[in-house]
């Protein structure tokens, strides 16, 4: 369970992107990660940046008040030992979020599919200083890897940008190579 705890903490690390300043799909670009064997399409007016094991795709447009750019992060972690069930990982992630973000409010939880694999969707809000954020996470496990795709936006901009995030999630593909 120690490895599971580290991965669950990684889910919380995605929140670090709240301080980053890195559109619409005028044209899409494809990002391929050969280390974790996945690809995803993202809007051409987004910038991508690796931050440790997390890849951040951020809009080039920022909110004027908070200077925040809505973004999609993809975190992949390798699970050591016995691979937990998706439900166990999801439950552990919620516990970690509640511990690390005492003001978190879970709004939606439901099963789904990403890249043809069973996933769990979690939508929640959290306040960071004066800003209220709304966050969508899709979590799934493939072989011995856990994938967490996180869309973060200011709560007031969430509905305007969630379509772009969902489109990115729909283009996500797990490639055949690797473990």
Foldseek 3Di string as FASTA:
>chain_A
DVLLLVVLVVVVVVCVLQLDQPDDQPDWDKDADPVQFKIWIARPQWDWDDDPQKIKTWHNDADPPRRGTKIKIKHKDFAPDDADDQVVSVVSSVVVCCVVAVQKDWDDWDWDDFQNFIWIKTWIWGDDVHFIKIKIWIWGDDDRMIMIMMIIDTPVCCVVCVVSSVNRRNRMHGHDDDD
